[in-house]
PDB file of N, CA and C in Angstrom:
ATOM      1  N   MET A   1    -101.551 -85.826 -70.616  1.00  0.00           N
ATOM      2  CA  MET A   1    -101.720 -84.887 -71.712  1.00  0.00           C
ATOM      3  C   MET A   1    -100.401 -84.824 -72.480  1.00  0.00           C
ATOM      4  N   ASN A   2    -100.497 -85.001 -73.779  1.00  0.00           N
ATOM      5  CA  ASN A   2     -99.277 -84.944 -74.582  1.00  0.00           C
ATOM      6  C   ASN A   2     -98.978 -83.505 -75.006  1.00  0.00           C
ATOM      7  N   TYR A   3     -97.846 -83.348 -75.650  1.00  0.00           N
ATOM      8  CA  TYR A   3     -97.387 -82.003 -76.027  1.00  0.00           C
ATOM      9  C   TYR A   3     -98.387 -81.313 -76.946  1.00  0.00           C
ATOM     10  N   GLU A   4     -98.881 -82.053 -77.942  1.00  0.00           N
ATOM     11  CA  GLU A   4     -99.783 -81.439 -78.922  1.00  0.00           C
ATOM     12  C   GLU A   4    -101.071 -80.944 -78.262  1.00  0.00           C
ATOM     13  N   THR A   5    -101.614 -81.749 -77.379  1.00  0.00           N
ATOM     14  CA  THR A   5    -102.837 -81.346 -76.682  1.00  0.00           C
ATOM     15  C   THR A   5    -102.579 -80.116 -75.819  1.00  0.00           C
ATOM     16  N   GLY A   6    -101.458 -80.106 -75.124  1.00  0.00           N
ATOM     17  CA  GLY A   6    -101.106 -78.954 -74.303  1.00  0.00           C
ATOM     18  C   GLY A   6    -100.928 -77.707 -75.140  1.00  0.00           C
ATOM     19  N   PHE A   7    -100.287 -77.876 -76.296  1.00  0.00           N
ATOM     20  CA  PHE A   7    -100.081 -76.741 -77.198  1.00  0.00           C
ATOM     21  C   PHE A   7    -101.422 -76.200 -77.685  1.00  0.00           C
ATOM     22  N   GLN A   8    -102.309 -77.114 -78.082  1.00  0.00           N
ATOM     23  CA  GLN A   8    -103.626 -76.692 -78.565  1.00  0.00           C
ATOM     24  C   GLN A   8    -104.407 -75.963 -77.476  1.00  0.00           C
ATOM     25  N   LEU A   9    -104.310 -76.465 -76.245  1.00  0.00           N
ATOM     26  CA  LEU A   9    -104.985 -75.782 -75.138  1.00  0.00           C
ATOM     27  C   LEU A   9    -104.421 -74.379 -74.939  1.00  0.00           C
ATOM     28  N   GLY A  10    -103.110 -74.255 -75.052  1.00  0.00           N
ATOM     29  CA  GLY A  10    -102.477 -72.944 -74.912  1.00  0.00           C
ATOM     30  C   GLY A  10    -102.949 -71.976 -75.979  1.00  0.00           C
ATOM     31  N   VAL A  11    -103.042 -72.479 -77.204  1.00  0.00           N
ATOM     32  CA  VAL A  11    -103.513 -71.639 -78.317  1.00  0.00           C
ATOM     33  C   VAL A  11    -104.966 -71.217 -78.075  1.00  0.00           C
ATOM     34  N   MET A  12    -105.787 -72.171 -77.649  1.00  0.00           N
ATOM     35  CA  MET A  12    -107.197 -71.857 -77.394  1.00  0.00           C
ATOM     36  C   MET A  12    -107.340 -70.838 -76.267  1.00  0.00           C
ATOM     37  N   GLU A  13    -106.544 -70.992 -75.215  1.00  0.00           N
ATOM     38  CA  GLU A  13    -106.609 -70.043 -74.105  1.00  0.00           C
ATOM     39  C   GLU A  13    -106.189 -68.649 -74.562  1.00  0.00           C
ATOM     40  N   ALA A  14    -105.172 -68.578 -75.415  1.00  0.00           N
ATOM     41  CA  ALA A  14    -104.723 -67.283 -75.933  1.00  0.00           C
ATOM     42  C   ALA A  14    -105.819 -66.642 -76.785  1.00  0.00           C
ATOM     43  N   ARG A  15    -106.492 -67.455 -77.593  1.00  0.00           N
ATOM     44  CA  ARG A  15    -107.587 -66.925 -78.414  1.00  0.00           C
ATOM     45  C   ARG A  15    -108.733 -66.429 -77.549  1.00  0.00           C
ATOM     46  N   MET A  16    -109.047 -67.197 -76.504  1.00  0.00           N
ATOM     47  CA  MET A  16    -110.117 -66.785 -75.597  1.00  0.00           C
ATOM     48  C   MET A  16    -109.765 -65.469 -74.905  1.00  0.00           C
ATOM     49  N   LYS A  17    -108.514 -65.338 -74.500  1.00  0.00           N
ATOM     50  CA  LYS A  17    -108.071 -64.103 -73.848  1.00  0.00           C
ATOM     51  C   LYS A  17    -108.221 -62.921 -74.802  1.00  0.00           C
ATOM     52  N   LYS A  18    -107.825 -63.132 -76.060  1.00  0.00           N
ATOM     53  CA  LYS A  18    -107.936 -62.074 -77.061  1.00  0.00           C
ATOM     54  C   LYS A  18    -109.405 -61.712 -77.298  1.00  0.00           C
ATOM     55  N   MET A  19    -110.257 -62.727 -77.380  1.00  0.00           N
ATOM     56  CA  MET A  19    -111.680 -62.477 -77.611  1.00  0.00           C
ATOM     57  C   MET A  19    -112.312 -61.743 -76.434  1.00  0.00           C
ATOM     58  N   ARG A  20    -111.926 -62.108 -75.214  1.00  0.00           N
ATOM     59  CA  ARG A  20    -112.452 -61.402 -74.041  1.00  0.00           C
ATOM     60  C   ARG A  20    -112.023 -59.943 -74.052  1.00  0.00           C
ATOM     61  N   LYS A  21    -110.776 -59.711 -74.440  1.00  0.00           N
ATOM     62  CA  LYS A  21    -110.272 -58.338 -74.507  1.00  0.00           C
ATOM     63  C   LYS A  21    -111.064 -57.537 -75.540  1.00  0.00           C
ATOM     64  N   GLN A  22    -111.305 -58.140 -76.707  1.00  0.00           N
ATOM     65  CA  GLN A  22    -112.089 -57.464 -77.740  1.00  0.00           C
ATOM     66  C   GLN A  22    -113.505 -57.188 -77.247  1.00  0.00           C
ATOM     67  N   ARG A  23    -114.094 -58.182 -76.573  1.00  0.00           N
ATOM     68  CA  ARG A  23    -115.446 -58.012 -76.037  1.00  0.00           C
ATOM     69  C   ARG A  23    -115.492 -56.841 -75.064  1.00  0.00           C
ATOM     70  N   ASP A  24    -114.508 -56.777 -74.190  1.00  0.00           N
ATOM     71  CA  ASP A  24    -114.462 -55.688 -73.214  1.00  0.00           C
ATOM     72  C   ASP A  24    -114.286 -54.334 -73.898  1.00  0.00           C
ATOM     73  N   GLU A  25    -113.457 -54.299 -74.957  1.00  0.00           N
ATOM     74  CA  GLU A  25    -113.265 -53.050 -75.696  1.00  0.00           C
ATOM     75  C   GLU A  25    -114.556 -52.619 -76.389  1.00  0.00           C
ATOM     76  N   TYR A  26    -115.271 -53.584 -76.992  1.00  0.00           N
ATOM     77  CA  TYR A  26    -116.536 -53.255 -77.651  1.00  0.00           C
ATOM     78  C   TYR A  26    -117.568 -52.778 -76.633  1.00  0.00           C
ATOM     79  N   LYS A  27    -117.591 -53.408 -75.472  1.00  0.00           N
ATOM     80  CA  LYS A  27    -118.519 -52.999 -74.414  1.00  0.00           C
ATOM     81  C   LYS A  27    -118.212 -51.572 -73.973  1.00  0.00           C
ATOM     82  N   LYS A  28    -116.931 -51.264 -73.830  1.00  0.00           N
ATOM     83  CA  LYS A  28    -116.527 -49.917 -73.427  1.00  0.00           C
ATOM     84  C   LYS A  28    -116.953 -48.901 -74.486  1.00  0.00           C
ATOM     85  N   GLN A  29    -116.719 -49.228 -75.761  1.00  0.00           N
ATOM     86  CA  GLN A  29    -117.119 -48.326 -76.841  1.00  0.00           C
ATOM     87  C   GLN A  29    -118.630 -48.127 -76.845  1.00  0.00           C
ATOM     88  N   SER A  30    -119.356 -49.209 -76.641  1.00  0.00           N
ATOM     89  CA  SER A  30    -120.813 -49.132 -76.612  1.00  0.00           C
ATOM     90  C   SER A  30    -121.284 -48.228 -75.480  1.00  0.00           C
ATOM     91  N   ASP A  31    -120.697 -48.402 -74.304  1.00  0.00           N
ATOM     92  CA  ASP A  31    -121.067 -47.559 -73.164  1.00  0.00           C
ATOM     93  C   ASP A  31    -120.762 -46.093 -73.443  1.00  0.00           C
ATOM     94  N   GLU A  32    -119.613 -45.827 -74.072  1.00  0.00           N
ATOM     95  CA  GLU A  32    -119.245 -44.449 -74.397  1.00  0.00           C
ATOM     96  C   GLU A  32    -120.227 -43.844 -75.395  1.00  0.00           C
ATOM     97  N   LEU A  33    -120.626 -44.631 -76.387  1.00  0.00           N
ATOM     98  CA  LEU A  33    -121.598 -44.132 -77.365  1.00  0.00           C
ATOM     99  C   LEU A  33    -122.937 -43.826 -76.709  1.00  0.00           C
ATOM    100  N   ILE A  34    -123.367 -44.692 -75.817  1.00  0.00           N
ATOM    101  CA  ILE A  34    -124.630 -44.468 -75.115  1.00  0.00           C
ATOM    102  C   ILE A  34    -124.562 -43.179 -74.302  1.00  0.00           C
ATOM    103  N   GLU A  35    -123.441 -42.959 -73.631  1.00  0.00           N
ATOM    104  CA  GLU A  35    -123.265 -41.725 -72.858  1.00  0.00           C
ATOM    105  C   GLU A  35    -123.277 -40.505 -73.775  1.00  0.00           C
ATOM    106  N   ASP A  36    -122.596 -40.606 -74.917  1.00  0.00           N
ATOM    107  CA  ASP A  36    -122.560 -39.485 -75.860  1.00  0.00           C
ATOM    108  C   ASP A  36    -123.952 -39.166 -76.391  1.00  0.00           C
ATOM    109  N   ILE A  37    -124.724 -40.193 -76.690  1.00  0.00           N
ATOM    110  CA  ILE A  37    -126.087 -39.981 -77.183  1.00  0.00           C
ATOM    111  C   ILE A  37    -126.929 -39.289 -76.118  1.00  0.00           C
ATOM    112  N   ALA A  38    -126.776 -39.721 -74.870  1.00  0.00           N
ATOM    113  CA  ALA A  38    -127.526 -39.088 -73.779  1.00  0.00           C
ATOM    114  C   ALA A  38    -127.144 -37.616 -73.646  1.00  0.00           C
ATOM    115  N   LYS A  39    -125.854 -37.308 -73.764  1.00  0.00           N
ATOM    116  CA  LYS A  39    -125.405 -35.912 -73.682  1.00  0.00           C
ATOM    117  C   LYS A  39    -125.977 -35.087 -74.829  1.00  0.00           C
ATOM    118  N   LEU A  40    -125.973 -35.667 -76.026  1.00  0.00           N
ATOM    119  CA  LEU A  40    -126.531 -34.952 -77.177  1.00  0.00           C
ATOM    120  C   LEU A  40    -128.011 -34.669 -76.986  1.00  0.00           C
ATOM    121  N   ARG A  41    -128.739 -35.644 -76.462  1.00  0.00           N
ATOM    122  CA  ARG A  41    -130.170 -35.440 -76.224  1.00  0.00           C
ATOM    123  C   ARG A  41    -130.397 -34.315 -75.225  1.00  0.00           C
ATOM    124  N   GLU A  42    -129.555 -34.261 -74.194  1.00  0.00           N
ATOM    125  CA  GLU A  42    -129.680 -33.182 -73.208  1.00  0.00           C
ATOM    126  C   GLU A  42    -129.420 -31.827 -73.854  1.00  0.00           C
ATOM    127  N   ARG A  43    -128.391 -31.760 -74.702  1.00  0.00           N
ATOM    128  CA  ARG A  43    -128.067 -30.491 -75.369  1.00  0.00           C
ATOM    129  C   ARG A  43    -129.191 -30.066 -76.300  1.00  0.00           C
ATOM    130  N   ILE A  44    -129.797 -31.020 -76.978  1.00  0.00           N
ATOM    131  CA  ILE A  44    -130.906 -30.701 -77.879  1.00  0.00           C
ATOM    132  C   ILE A  44    -132.074 -30.135 -77.082  1.00  0.00           C
ATOM    133  N   LYS A  45    -132.372 -30.744 -75.929  1.00  0.00           N
ATOM    134  CA  LYS A  45    -133.466 -30.236 -75.092  1.00  0.00           C
ATOM    135  C   LYS A  45    -133.171 -28.827 -74.611  1.00  0.00           C
ATOM    136  N   GLU A  46    -131.915 -28.557 -74.269  1.00  0.00           N
ATOM    137  CA  GLU A  46    -131.539 -27.223 -73.803  1.00  0.00           C
ATOM    138  C   GLU A  46    -131.718 -26.182 -74.906  1.00  0.00           C
ATOM    139  N   MET A  47    -131.474 -26.565 -76.148  1.00  0.00           N
ATOM    140  CA  MET A  47    -131.566 -25.629 -77.265  1.00  0.00           C
ATOM    141  C   MET A  47    -133.007 -25.325 -77.638  1.00  0.00           C
ATOM    142  N   GLU A  48    -133.914 -26.204 -77.314  1.00  0.00           N
ATOM    143  CA  GLU A  48    -135.326 -25.998 -77.691  1.00  0.00           C
ATOM    144  C   GLU A  48    -135.995 -24.949 -76.854  1.00  0.00           C
TER     145      GLU A  48
END
């Protein structure tokens, strides 16, 4: 493997790491929103 190929692999791995981090953050936000919606539904039922 030459330097350029190694460099490109390093860049790709860094991008993949960043994308995985973003994916995990979006998943966390999604889970939090789902929990918030469930809590709101419970509060609405209590008010009725």
